[in-house]
C-alpha cells in the first residue's frame, strides 16, 4: 500500500497522544473499559494500553481487529518494549504470541482478544465498546476503511458515553461521524499533524 504502519514523526509519541491521552484518559469515570482497535498492526497501541492499565489499575478488555496479521519476527524488530517500564516489557511478546479469536488474560488488568477478520465480514456487537482506537491505514492508502458503511459499524459498537478516536482529521470523516449523531471534536494533533479527531456517542 506504500504506507508506513506508524507516523514517521514518532510512532510512540503519536500513539500515546491520540489513543492514550485523548482516548483512554478521557474516560475518567470508568474503572473497567472495553476497547476496540481497528487495525491491530504491530501491537504498539495494545502494549501502551496494557502499560496504562497496570499503572492506573483499570481493567481493560481489549479487542483488536486485523485482516493481515504482522509476523512475530517483524513485530519484535520494532523494539517497542523500550518505551514501557521494565516490568511490562515482556508482555509485548505475550501480546503477539497469544492465540487469535479468543480471550487471553495477559495480566489481571488486561485481557486481549485478537480477531483475524476483514471489516467487510465483521459483525459488530451493538453497544459493546467504550472506546474505539481507529488506526487503519490512512484514507489515501486504504480509502475503503474510511467509508460511511465502516463508520456505521463503529457507531453501532459504541455504548452510550463511548468515544471514537483517530489520528485522521479529514473533513469528510468529521461530516460522516456527525451524520451518525456523534459529537465531533477537533483536537490538537501529535507531532507532524495539525489536528486529530475525537467523537462521542452521547445518546
C-alpha atoms as a PDB file:
ATOM      1  CA  UNK A   1       0.000   0.000   0.000  1.00  0.00           C
ATOM      2  CA  UNK A   2       3.051   2.247   0.145  1.00  0.00           C
ATOM      3  CA  UNK A   3       2.093   3.287   3.670  1.00  0.00           C
ATOM      4  CA  UNK A   4       4.012   3.206   6.967  1.00  0.00           C
ATOM      5  CA  UNK A   5       2.471   1.417   9.961  1.00  0.00           C
ATOM      6  CA  UNK A   6       3.067   4.464  12.137  1.00  0.00           C
ATOM      7  CA  UNK A   7       3.843   8.137  11.805  1.00  0.00           C
ATOM      8  CA  UNK A   8       7.382   8.828  10.631  1.00  0.00           C
ATOM      9  CA  UNK A   9       7.358  11.727  13.129  1.00  0.00           C
ATOM     10  CA  UNK A  10       7.321   9.266  16.038  1.00  0.00           C
ATOM     11  CA  UNK A  11       5.151   6.174  16.356  1.00  0.00           C
ATOM     12  CA  UNK A  12       5.087   6.005  20.141  1.00  0.00           C
ATOM     13  CA  UNK A  13       4.547   9.724  20.598  1.00  0.00           C
ATOM     14  CA  UNK A  14       1.596   9.670  18.182  1.00  0.00           C
ATOM     15  CA  UNK A  15       0.033   6.580  19.732  1.00  0.00           C
ATOM     16  CA  UNK A  16       0.265   7.998  23.252  1.00  0.00           C
ATOM     17  CA  UNK A  17      -1.164  11.360  22.177  1.00  0.00           C
ATOM     18  CA  UNK A  18      -4.078  10.073  20.121  1.00  0.00           C
ATOM     19  CA  UNK A  19      -5.111   6.858  21.817  1.00  0.00           C
ATOM     20  CA  UNK A  20      -3.931   7.104  25.434  1.00  0.00           C
ATOM     21  CA  UNK A  21      -4.082  10.811  26.296  1.00  0.00           C
ATOM     22  CA  UNK A  22      -7.124  11.738  24.205  1.00  0.00           C
ATOM     23  CA  UNK A  23      -8.856   8.354  24.237  1.00  0.00           C
ATOM     24  CA  UNK A  24      -8.275   6.194  27.297  1.00  0.00           C
ATOM     25  CA  UNK A  25      -7.625   9.101  29.651  1.00  0.00           C
ATOM     26  CA  UNK A  26     -10.837  10.822  28.539  1.00  0.00           C
ATOM     27  CA  UNK A  27     -12.893   8.068  30.195  1.00  0.00           C
ATOM     28  CA  UNK A  28     -12.046   9.102  33.736  1.00  0.00           C
ATOM     29  CA  UNK A  29     -15.241   7.807  35.333  1.00  0.00           C
ATOM     30  CA  UNK A  30     -14.811   4.184  34.214  1.00  0.00           C
ATOM     31  CA  UNK A  31     -12.802   1.625  36.184  1.00  0.00           C
ATOM     32  CA  UNK A  32     -13.406  -1.098  33.585  1.00  0.00           C
ATOM     33  CA  UNK A  33     -13.078  -0.219  29.900  1.00  0.00           C
ATOM     34  CA  UNK A  34     -13.872  -2.179  26.743  1.00  0.00           C
ATOM     35  CA  UNK A  35     -11.617  -1.126  23.855  1.00  0.00           C
ATOM     36  CA  UNK A  36     -11.872  -2.000  20.165  1.00  0.00           C
ATOM     37  CA  UNK A  37      -8.899  -1.302  17.903  1.00  0.00           C
ATOM     38  CA  UNK A  38      -9.449  -1.110  14.170  1.00  0.00           C
ATOM     39  CA  UNK A  39      -6.074  -2.126  12.760  1.00  0.00           C
ATOM     40  CA  UNK A  40      -4.154  -4.144  15.381  1.00  0.00           C
ATOM     41  CA  UNK A  41      -0.969  -3.937  13.285  1.00  0.00           C
ATOM     42  CA  UNK A  42       2.267  -4.067  15.250  1.00  0.00           C
ATOM     43  CA  UNK A  43       0.550  -4.249  18.659  1.00  0.00           C
ATOM     44  CA  UNK A  44       2.006  -0.930  19.808  1.00  0.00           C
ATOM     45  CA  UNK A  45      -1.339   0.512  20.890  1.00  0.00           C
ATOM     46  CA  UNK A  46      -2.146  -2.659  22.813  1.00  0.00           C
ATOM     47  CA  UNK A  47       1.209  -2.542  24.627  1.00  0.00           C
ATOM     48  CA  UNK A  48       0.821   1.117  25.600  1.00  0.00           C
ATOM     49  CA  UNK A  49      -2.732   0.445  26.775  1.00  0.00           C
ATOM     50  CA  UNK A  50      -1.568  -2.512  28.865  1.00  0.00           C
ATOM     51  CA  UNK A  51       1.019  -0.243  30.489  1.00  0.00           C
ATOM     52  CA  UNK A  52      -1.678   2.334  31.261  1.00  0.00           C
ATOM     53  CA  UNK A  53      -3.979  -0.345  32.677  1.00  0.00           C
ATOM     54  CA  UNK A  54      -1.233  -1.537  35.025  1.00  0.00           C
ATOM     55  CA  UNK A  55      -0.386   1.994  36.134  1.00  0.00           C
ATOM     56  CA  UNK A  56      -3.986   3.150  36.588  1.00  0.00           C
ATOM     57  CA  UNK A  57      -5.250  -0.174  37.999  1.00  0.00           C
ATOM     58  CA  UNK A  58      -8.103  -0.192  35.484  1.00  0.00           C
ATOM     59  CA  UNK A  59      -9.371  -3.419  33.967  1.00  0.00           C
ATOM     60  CA  UNK A  60      -9.313  -3.351  30.171  1.00  0.00           C
ATOM     61  CA  UNK A  61     -10.827  -5.836  27.759  1.00  0.00           C
ATOM     62  CA  UNK A  62      -9.002  -5.122  24.502  1.00  0.00           C
ATOM     63  CA  UNK A  63     -10.263  -6.349  21.127  1.00  0.00           C
ATOM     64  CA  UNK A  64      -8.091  -5.857  18.050  1.00  0.00           C
ATOM     65  CA  UNK A  65      -9.352  -6.476  14.512  1.00  0.00           C
ATOM     66  CA  UNK A  66      -6.679  -7.277  11.935  1.00  0.00           C
ATOM     67  CA  UNK A  67      -7.136  -8.768   8.463  1.00  0.00           C
ATOM     68  CA  UNK A  68      -3.399  -9.135   7.795  1.00  0.00           C
ATOM     69  CA  UNK A  69      -1.504 -10.075  10.995  1.00  0.00           C
ATOM     70  CA  UNK A  70       2.078  -8.888  11.291  1.00  0.00           C
ATOM     71  CA  UNK A  71       4.599 -11.731  11.636  1.00  0.00           C
ATOM     72  CA  UNK A  72       6.064 -12.115  15.128  1.00  0.00           C
ATOM     73  CA  UNK A  73       9.603 -11.687  13.828  1.00  0.00           C
ATOM     74  CA  UNK A  74       8.714  -8.360  12.211  1.00  0.00           C
ATOM     75  CA  UNK A  75       6.843  -7.097  15.266  1.00  0.00           C
ATOM     76  CA  UNK A  76       9.760  -7.866  17.573  1.00  0.00           C
ATOM     77  CA  UNK A  77      12.109  -5.927  15.295  1.00  0.00           C
ATOM     78  CA  UNK A  78      10.190  -2.773  16.253  1.00  0.00           C
ATOM     79  CA  UNK A  79      11.794  -2.909  19.707  1.00  0.00           C
ATOM     80  CA  UNK A  80       8.767  -1.172  21.227  1.00  0.00           C
ATOM     81  CA  UNK A  81       9.470  -2.779  24.618  1.00  0.00           C
ATOM     82  CA  UNK A  82      11.894   0.044  25.375  1.00  0.00           C
ATOM     83  CA  UNK A  83       9.007   2.511  25.620  1.00  0.00           C
ATOM     84  CA  UNK A  84       7.304   0.849  28.591  1.00  0.00           C
ATOM     85  CA  UNK A  85       8.509   0.106  32.102  1.00  0.00           C
ATOM     86  CA  UNK A  86      10.934  -2.780  32.597  1.00  0.00           C
ATOM     87  CA  UNK A  87       8.358  -4.919  34.415  1.00  0.00           C
ATOM     88  CA  UNK A  88       5.962  -4.702  31.451  1.00  0.00           C
ATOM     89  CA  UNK A  89       8.404  -5.183  28.588  1.00  0.00           C
ATOM     90  CA  UNK A  90       7.950  -8.956  28.277  1.00  0.00           C
ATOM     91  CA  UNK A  91       4.226  -8.509  27.664  1.00  0.00           C
ATOM     92  CA  UNK A  92       4.913  -7.336  24.111  1.00  0.00           C
ATOM     93  CA  UNK A  93       5.895 -10.887  23.204  1.00  0.00           C
ATOM     94  CA  UNK A  94       2.865 -12.214  25.100  1.00  0.00           C
ATOM     95  CA  UNK A  95       0.602  -9.941  23.060  1.00  0.00           C
ATOM     96  CA  UNK A  96       1.945 -11.328  19.797  1.00  0.00           C
ATOM     97  CA  UNK A  97       2.142 -14.986  20.805  1.00  0.00           C
ATOM     98  CA  UNK A  98      -1.345 -15.128  22.339  1.00  0.00           C
ATOM     99  CA  UNK A  99      -3.958 -17.127  20.468  1.00  0.00           C
ATOM    100  CA  UNK A 100      -6.204 -15.436  17.940  1.00  0.00           C
ATOM    101  CA  UNK A 101     -10.002 -15.249  18.114  1.00  0.00           C
ATOM    102  CA  UNK A 102     -10.388 -15.953  21.838  1.00  0.00           C
ATOM    103  CA  UNK A 103      -9.994 -14.022  25.092  1.00  0.00           C
ATOM    104  CA  UNK A 104      -6.480 -14.274  26.524  1.00  0.00           C
ATOM    105  CA  UNK A 105      -5.627 -12.981  30.009  1.00  0.00           C
ATOM    106  CA  UNK A 106      -2.288 -11.199  29.637  1.00  0.00           C
ATOM    107  CA  UNK A 107      -2.320  -9.587  33.114  1.00  0.00           C
ATOM    108  CA  UNK A 108      -5.001  -9.302  35.832  1.00  0.00           C
ATOM    109  CA  UNK A 109      -5.808  -5.858  34.385  1.00  0.00           C
ATOM    110  CA  UNK A 110      -5.586  -6.672  30.667  1.00  0.00           C
ATOM    111  CA  UNK A 111      -7.487  -9.247  28.633  1.00  0.00           C
ATOM    112  CA  UNK A 112      -6.788  -9.420  24.913  1.00  0.00           C
ATOM    113  CA  UNK A 113      -8.842 -10.781  22.038  1.00  0.00           C
ATOM    114  CA  UNK A 114      -7.230 -10.554  18.606  1.00  0.00           C
ATOM    115  CA  UNK A 115      -9.672 -11.134  15.765  1.00  0.00           C
ATOM    116  CA  UNK A 116      -8.302 -12.135  12.371  1.00  0.00           C
ATOM    117  CA  UNK A 117     -11.035 -10.913  10.060  1.00  0.00           C
ATOM    118  CA  UNK A 118     -11.750  -8.355   7.370  1.00  0.00           C
ATOM    119  CA  UNK A 119     -14.014  -5.435   8.154  1.00  0.00           C
ATOM    120  CA  UNK A 120     -16.383  -6.463   5.358  1.00  0.00           C
ATOM    121  CA  UNK A 121     -17.400  -9.625   7.243  1.00  0.00           C
ATOM    122  CA  UNK A 122     -17.100  -8.240  10.772  1.00  0.00           C
ATOM    123  CA  UNK A 123     -20.460  -8.082  12.583  1.00  0.00           C
ATOM    124  CA  UNK A 124     -20.392  -5.571  15.460  1.00  0.00           C
ATOM    125  CA  UNK A 125     -21.954  -6.401  18.807  1.00  0.00           C
ATOM    126  CA  UNK A 126     -24.223  -3.452  19.474  1.00  0.00           C
ATOM    127  CA  UNK A 127     -23.228  -1.093  22.320  1.00  0.00           C
ATOM    128  CA  UNK A 128     -20.429  -3.415  23.470  1.00  0.00           C
ATOM    129  CA  UNK A 129     -17.463  -0.994  23.378  1.00  0.00           C
ATOM    130  CA  UNK A 130     -16.499   2.073  25.433  1.00  0.00           C
ATOM    131  CA  UNK A 131     -13.569   3.255  23.329  1.00  0.00           C
ATOM    132  CA  UNK A 132     -12.572   2.790  19.692  1.00  0.00           C
ATOM    133  CA  UNK A 133      -8.994   3.238  18.515  1.00  0.00           C
ATOM    134  CA  UNK A 134      -9.468   3.757  14.778  1.00  0.00           C
ATOM    135  CA  UNK A 135      -5.974   3.091  13.483  1.00  0.00           C
ATOM    136  CA  UNK A 136      -6.494   1.838   9.942  1.00  0.00           C
ATOM    137  CA  UNK A 137      -4.089   2.917   7.220  1.00  0.00           C
ATOM    138  CA  UNK A 138      -4.820   6.448   6.031  1.00  0.00           C
ATOM    139  CA  UNK A 139      -7.590   7.296   3.548  1.00  0.00           C
ATOM    140  CA  UNK A 140      -5.078   7.760   0.718  1.00  0.00           C
ATOM    141  CA  UNK A 141      -3.805   4.193   1.060  1.00  0.00           C
ATOM    142  CA  UNK A 142      -6.943   2.394   2.228  1.00  0.00           C
ATOM    143  CA  UNK A 143      -9.968   4.510   1.367  1.00  0.00           C
ATOM    144  CA  UNK A 144     -12.457   1.661   1.847  1.00  0.00           C
ATOM    145  CA  UNK A 145     -11.738   1.600   5.588  1.00  0.00           C
ATOM    146  CA  UNK A 146     -12.994   5.176   5.948  1.00  0.00           C
ATOM    147  CA  UNK A 147     -16.300   4.766   4.151  1.00  0.00           C
ATOM    148  CA  UNK A 148     -19.583   5.527   5.880  1.00  0.00           C
ATOM    149  CA  UNK A 149     -20.518   1.839   6.000  1.00  0.00           C
ATOM    150  CA  UNK A 150     -17.457   1.145   8.185  1.00  0.00           C
ATOM    151  CA  UNK A 151     -18.111   4.125  10.422  1.00  0.00           C
ATOM    152  CA  UNK A 152     -21.698   2.916  10.852  1.00  0.00           C
ATOM    153  CA  UNK A 153     -20.290  -0.311  12.311  1.00  0.00           C
ATOM    154  CA  UNK A 154     -18.136   1.725  14.672  1.00  0.00           C
ATOM    155  CA  UNK A 155     -21.127   3.756  15.832  1.00  0.00           C
ATOM    156  CA  UNK A 156     -23.074   0.548  16.410  1.00  0.00           C
ATOM    157  CA  UNK A 157     -20.231  -0.855  18.529  1.00  0.00           C
ATOM    158  CA  UNK A 158     -20.107   2.178  20.834  1.00  0.00           C
ATOM    159  CA  UNK A 159     -22.040   2.193  24.084  1.00  0.00           C
ATOM    160  CA  UNK A 160     -23.677   5.408  25.279  1.00  0.00           C
ATOM    161  CA  UNK A 161     -20.910   7.686  26.533  1.00  0.00           C
ATOM    162  CA  UNK A 162     -18.390   5.902  24.329  1.00  0.00           C
ATOM    163  CA  UNK A 163     -15.535   7.547  22.443  1.00  0.00           C
ATOM    164  CA  UNK A 164     -14.057   7.164  18.956  1.00  0.00           C
ATOM    165  CA  UNK A 165     -10.520   8.493  18.412  1.00  0.00           C
ATOM    166  CA  UNK A 166      -8.304   8.619  15.354  1.00  0.00           C
ATOM    167  CA  UNK A 167      -5.244  10.463  14.048  1.00  0.00           C
ATOM    168  CA  UNK A 168      -7.213  11.401  10.909  1.00  0.00           C
ATOM    169  CA  UNK A 169      -8.735  14.885  10.697  1.00  0.00           C
ATOM    170  CA  UNK A 170     -10.197  14.907   7.187  1.00  0.00           C
ATOM    171  CA  UNK A 171     -13.347  16.944   6.700  1.00  0.00           C
ATOM    172  CA  UNK A 172     -15.265  14.056   5.146  1.00  0.00           C
ATOM    173  CA  UNK A 173     -14.571  11.878   8.174  1.00  0.00           C
ATOM    174  CA  UNK A 174     -15.947  14.535  10.510  1.00  0.00           C
ATOM    175  CA  UNK A 175     -19.042  15.048   8.363  1.00  0.00           C
ATOM    176  CA  UNK A 176     -19.705  11.322   8.277  1.00  0.00           C
ATOM    177  CA  UNK A 177     -19.315  10.993  12.051  1.00  0.00           C
ATOM    178  CA  UNK A 178     -21.711  13.900  12.586  1.00  0.00           C
ATOM    179  CA  UNK A 179     -24.220  12.259  10.245  1.00  0.00           C
ATOM    180  CA  UNK A 180     -24.217   9.304  12.660  1.00  0.00           C
ATOM    181  CA  UNK A 181     -25.213  11.659  15.516  1.00  0.00           C
ATOM    182  CA  UNK A 182     -21.786  11.567  17.128  1.00  0.00           C
ATOM    183  CA  UNK A 183     -20.451  14.712  18.794  1.00  0.00           C
ATOM    184  CA  UNK A 184     -17.231  15.524  16.958  1.00  0.00           C
ATOM    185  CA  UNK A 185     -14.213  17.369  18.357  1.00  0.00           C
ATOM    186  CA  UNK A 186     -11.129  18.570  16.504  1.00  0.00           C
ATOM    187  CA  UNK A 187      -8.185  18.360  18.887  1.00  0.00           C
ATOM    188  CA  UNK A 188      -4.521  19.335  18.508  1.00  0.00           C
ATOM    189  CA  UNK A 189      -2.721  16.554  16.698  1.00  0.00           C
ATOM    190  CA  UNK A 190       0.508  14.741  17.508  1.00  0.00           C
ATOM    191  CA  UNK A 191       3.830  15.915  16.021  1.00  0.00           C
ATOM    192  CA  UNK A 192       3.543  16.212  12.258  1.00  0.00           C
ATOM    193  CA  UNK A 193      -0.258  16.584  12.298  1.00  0.00           C
ATOM    194  CA  UNK A 194      -2.182  19.774  12.961  1.00  0.00           C
ATOM    195  CA  UNK A 195      -5.324  18.059  14.207  1.00  0.00           C
ATOM    196  CA  UNK A 196      -6.826  14.732  15.264  1.00  0.00           C
ATOM    197  CA  UNK A 197     -10.458  13.695  15.704  1.00  0.00           C
ATOM    198  CA  UNK A 198     -12.451  12.559  18.717  1.00  0.00           C
ATOM    199  CA  UNK A 199     -16.157  11.754  18.637  1.00  0.00           C
ATOM    200  CA  UNK A 200     -18.566  10.977  21.493  1.00  0.00           C
ATOM    201  CA  UNK A 201     -21.743   8.914  21.473  1.00  0.00           C
ATOM    202  CA  UNK A 202     -23.945  10.956  23.773  1.00  0.00           C
ATOM    203  CA  UNK A 203     -27.240   9.160  23.106  1.00  0.00           C
END
